[in-house]
Amino acid sequence: LLSIDDVGTGYSNLLTIQELPFDIMKIDKYFISDKFAVSKSNMLETLATLGNSLNLTIVAEGIETESELNKIKKFNIHLCQGFYFSTPCDSKTFISRTKSEPHLYQ
């Protein structure tokens, strides 16, 4: 599988998305996080619609709060990642966290 990271910023422009054979589209946190003005626009919905129309798996990056998690639940976004679920850690710590807080990883 091939993933395109930080969709909506940097090198992940629409031409790149159209021309390269991506399977996974990761939406940048700027379109999700309550910290950024762009998150108040409808770009998250637009990007999710684009990803779904291209039959891509969609990942929301940078989920830090329950509010942000609830925001992405409104759209057909398949996966999410961010500090809301876990800070960076080694695999042993992560496995321990998933056992102690399974509701976060469903």
C-alpha atoms as a PDB file:
ATOM      1  CA  LEU A   1       0.000   0.000   0.000  1.00  0.00           C
ATOM      2  CA  LEU A   2       1.102   3.529  -0.720  1.00  0.00           C
ATOM      3  CA  SER A   3       0.136   6.486   1.476  1.00  0.00           C
ATOM      4  CA  ILE A   4       0.123  10.198   0.717  1.00  0.00           C
ATOM      5  CA  ASP A   5       0.854  12.198   3.863  1.00  0.00           C
ATOM      6  CA  ASP A   6      -0.273  15.694   4.929  1.00  0.00           C
ATOM      7  CA  VAL A   7      -2.966  16.026   2.257  1.00  0.00           C
ATOM      8  CA  GLY A   8      -3.832  19.664   1.764  1.00  0.00           C
ATOM      9  CA  THR A   9      -0.359  20.984   2.553  1.00  0.00           C
ATOM     10  CA  GLY A  10       3.126  20.751   1.070  1.00  0.00           C
ATOM     11  CA  TYR A  11       3.720  18.453  -1.904  1.00  0.00           C
ATOM     12  CA  SER A  12       0.423  16.582  -1.626  1.00  0.00           C
ATOM     13  CA  ASN A  13      -1.360  18.651  -4.237  1.00  0.00           C
ATOM     14  CA  LEU A  14      -4.314  17.529  -6.354  1.00  0.00           C
ATOM     15  CA  LEU A  15      -2.126  16.731  -9.353  1.00  0.00           C
ATOM     16  CA  THR A  16      -0.005  14.383  -7.234  1.00  0.00           C
ATOM     17  CA  ILE A  17      -3.103  12.690  -5.821  1.00  0.00           C
ATOM     18  CA  GLN A  18      -4.503  12.178  -9.318  1.00  0.00           C
ATOM     19  CA  GLU A  19      -1.325  10.925 -10.995  1.00  0.00           C
ATOM     20  CA  LEU A  20       0.212   8.609  -8.395  1.00  0.00           C
ATOM     21  CA  PRO A  21      -1.366   5.294  -7.340  1.00  0.00           C
ATOM     22  CA  PHE A  22      -2.107   6.006  -3.672  1.00  0.00           C
ATOM     23  CA  ASP A  23      -4.169   3.711  -1.456  1.00  0.00           C
ATOM     24  CA  ILE A  24      -4.204   5.812   1.713  1.00  0.00           C
ATOM     25  CA  MET A  25      -4.820   9.537   2.091  1.00  0.00           C
ATOM     26  CA  LYS A  26      -3.739  11.160   5.364  1.00  0.00           C
ATOM     27  CA  ILE A  27      -5.511  14.467   6.001  1.00  0.00           C
ATOM     28  CA  ASP A  28      -3.259  17.023   7.658  1.00  0.00           C
ATOM     29  CA  LYS A  29      -4.086  18.161  11.185  1.00  0.00           C
ATOM     30  CA  TYR A  30      -4.495  21.763  10.007  1.00  0.00           C
ATOM     31  CA  PHE A  31      -7.906  20.785   8.648  1.00  0.00           C
ATOM     32  CA  ILE A  32      -8.919  19.026  11.868  1.00  0.00           C
ATOM     33  CA  SER A  33      -7.340  20.697  14.898  1.00  0.00           C
ATOM     34  CA  ASP A  34      -9.316  23.384  16.704  1.00  0.00           C
ATOM     35  CA  LYS A  35      -6.017  25.319  16.977  1.00  0.00           C
ATOM     36  CA  PHE A  36      -6.041  26.356  13.314  1.00  0.00           C
ATOM     37  CA  ALA A  37      -8.437  28.717  11.549  1.00  0.00           C
ATOM     38  CA  VAL A  38      -8.555  26.474   8.474  1.00  0.00           C
ATOM     39  CA  SER A  39     -10.262  23.800  10.601  1.00  0.00           C
ATOM     40  CA  LYS A  40     -13.327  26.057  10.710  1.00  0.00           C
ATOM     41  CA  SER A  41     -13.721  25.805   6.915  1.00  0.00           C
ATOM     42  CA  ASN A  42     -15.433  22.958   5.069  1.00  0.00           C
ATOM     43  CA  MET A  43     -12.116  21.618   3.716  1.00  0.00           C
ATOM     44  CA  LEU A  44     -12.174  18.554   5.985  1.00  0.00           C
ATOM     45  CA  GLU A  45     -15.489  17.485   4.472  1.00  0.00           C
ATOM     46  CA  THR A  46     -14.212  18.288   0.982  1.00  0.00           C
ATOM     47  CA  LEU A  47     -11.024  16.242   1.462  1.00  0.00           C
ATOM     48  CA  ALA A  48     -12.973  13.319   2.937  1.00  0.00           C
ATOM     49  CA  THR A  49     -15.356  13.412  -0.030  1.00  0.00           C
ATOM     50  CA  LEU A  50     -12.398  13.487  -2.437  1.00  0.00           C
ATOM     51  CA  GLY A  51     -10.734  10.531  -0.743  1.00  0.00           C
ATOM     52  CA  ASN A  52     -13.916   8.507  -0.728  1.00  0.00           C
ATOM     53  CA  SER A  53     -14.596   9.282  -4.391  1.00  0.00           C
ATOM     54  CA  LEU A  54     -11.107   7.956  -5.204  1.00  0.00           C
ATOM     55  CA  ASN A  55     -11.754   4.820  -3.078  1.00  0.00           C
ATOM     56  CA  LEU A  56      -8.872   5.644  -0.730  1.00  0.00           C
ATOM     57  CA  THR A  57      -8.543   4.720   2.912  1.00  0.00           C
ATOM     58  CA  ILE A  58      -8.684   8.028   4.782  1.00  0.00           C
ATOM     59  CA  VAL A  59      -6.647   8.761   7.909  1.00  0.00           C
ATOM     60  CA  ALA A  60      -7.180  11.888  10.021  1.00  0.00           C
ATOM     61  CA  GLU A  61      -3.913  13.115  11.530  1.00  0.00           C
ATOM     62  CA  GLY A  62      -3.346  15.033  14.732  1.00  0.00           C
ATOM     63  CA  ILE A  63      -6.413  14.117  16.789  1.00  0.00           C
ATOM     64  CA  GLU A  64      -5.695  15.614  20.214  1.00  0.00           C
ATOM     65  CA  THR A  65      -9.125  16.203  21.766  1.00  0.00           C
ATOM     66  CA  GLU A  66     -12.507  14.519  22.020  1.00  0.00           C
ATOM     67  CA  SER A  67     -13.965  17.487  20.127  1.00  0.00           C
ATOM     68  CA  GLU A  68     -11.668  16.774  17.189  1.00  0.00           C
ATOM     69  CA  LEU A  69     -12.546  13.079  17.297  1.00  0.00           C
ATOM     70  CA  ASN A  70     -16.248  13.946  17.228  1.00  0.00           C
ATOM     71  CA  LYS A  71     -15.637  16.284  14.277  1.00  0.00           C
ATOM     72  CA  ILE A  72     -14.152  13.540  12.089  1.00  0.00           C
ATOM     73  CA  LYS A  73     -16.942  11.121  13.001  1.00  0.00           C
ATOM     74  CA  LYS A  74     -19.286  13.285  10.902  1.00  0.00           C
ATOM     75  CA  PHE A  75     -17.453  12.212   7.747  1.00  0.00           C
ATOM     76  CA  ASN A  76     -16.560   8.851   6.259  1.00  0.00           C
ATOM     77  CA  ILE A  77     -13.018   8.847   7.659  1.00  0.00           C
ATOM     78  CA  HIS A  78     -11.707   5.357   8.270  1.00  0.00           C
ATOM     79  CA  LEU A  79      -8.809   5.794  10.702  1.00  0.00           C
ATOM     80  CA  CYS A  80      -7.321   8.457  12.941  1.00  0.00           C
ATOM     81  CA  GLN A  81      -4.116   9.063  14.828  1.00  0.00           C
ATOM     82  CA  GLY A  82      -2.896  11.555  17.370  1.00  0.00           C
ATOM     83  CA  PHE A  83      -2.047  12.337  20.975  1.00  0.00           C
ATOM     84  CA  TYR A  84      -5.676  11.768  22.009  1.00  0.00           C
ATOM     85  CA  PHE A  85      -4.940   8.061  21.621  1.00  0.00           C
ATOM     86  CA  SER A  86      -1.271   7.920  22.569  1.00  0.00           C
ATOM     87  CA  THR A  87       1.866   9.970  22.830  1.00  0.00           C
ATOM     88  CA  PRO A  88       4.858   8.525  20.961  1.00  0.00           C
ATOM     89  CA  CYS A  89       6.051   5.358  22.666  1.00  0.00           C
ATOM     90  CA  ASP A  90       7.712   2.027  22.068  1.00  0.00           C
ATOM     91  CA  SER A  91       5.672  -1.016  21.016  1.00  0.00           C
ATOM     92  CA  LYS A  92       5.675  -2.600  24.489  1.00  0.00           C
ATOM     93  CA  THR A  93       4.176   0.545  26.060  1.00  0.00           C
ATOM     94  CA  PHE A  94       1.621   0.860  23.262  1.00  0.00           C
ATOM     95  CA  ILE A  95       0.438  -2.740  23.675  1.00  0.00           C
ATOM     96  CA  SER A  96       0.098  -2.152  27.416  1.00  0.00           C
ATOM     97  CA  ARG A  97      -1.985   0.996  26.777  1.00  0.00           C
ATOM     98  CA  THR A  98      -4.310  -0.802  24.382  1.00  0.00           C
ATOM     99  CA  LYS A  99      -4.999  -3.427  27.036  1.00  0.00           C
ATOM    100  CA  SER A 100      -5.633  -0.903  29.799  1.00  0.00           C
ATOM    101  CA  GLU A 101      -7.746   1.480  27.683  1.00  0.00           C
ATOM    102  CA  PRO A 102      -9.322  -0.633  24.923  1.00  0.00           C
ATOM    103  CA  HIS A 103     -12.140   1.897  24.343  1.00  0.00           C
ATOM    104  CA  LEU A 104      -9.611   4.276  22.764  1.00  0.00           C
ATOM    105  CA  TYR A 105      -8.540   1.772  20.145  1.00  0.00           C
ATOM    106  CA  GLN A 106     -11.838   0.567  18.683  1.00  0.00           C
END
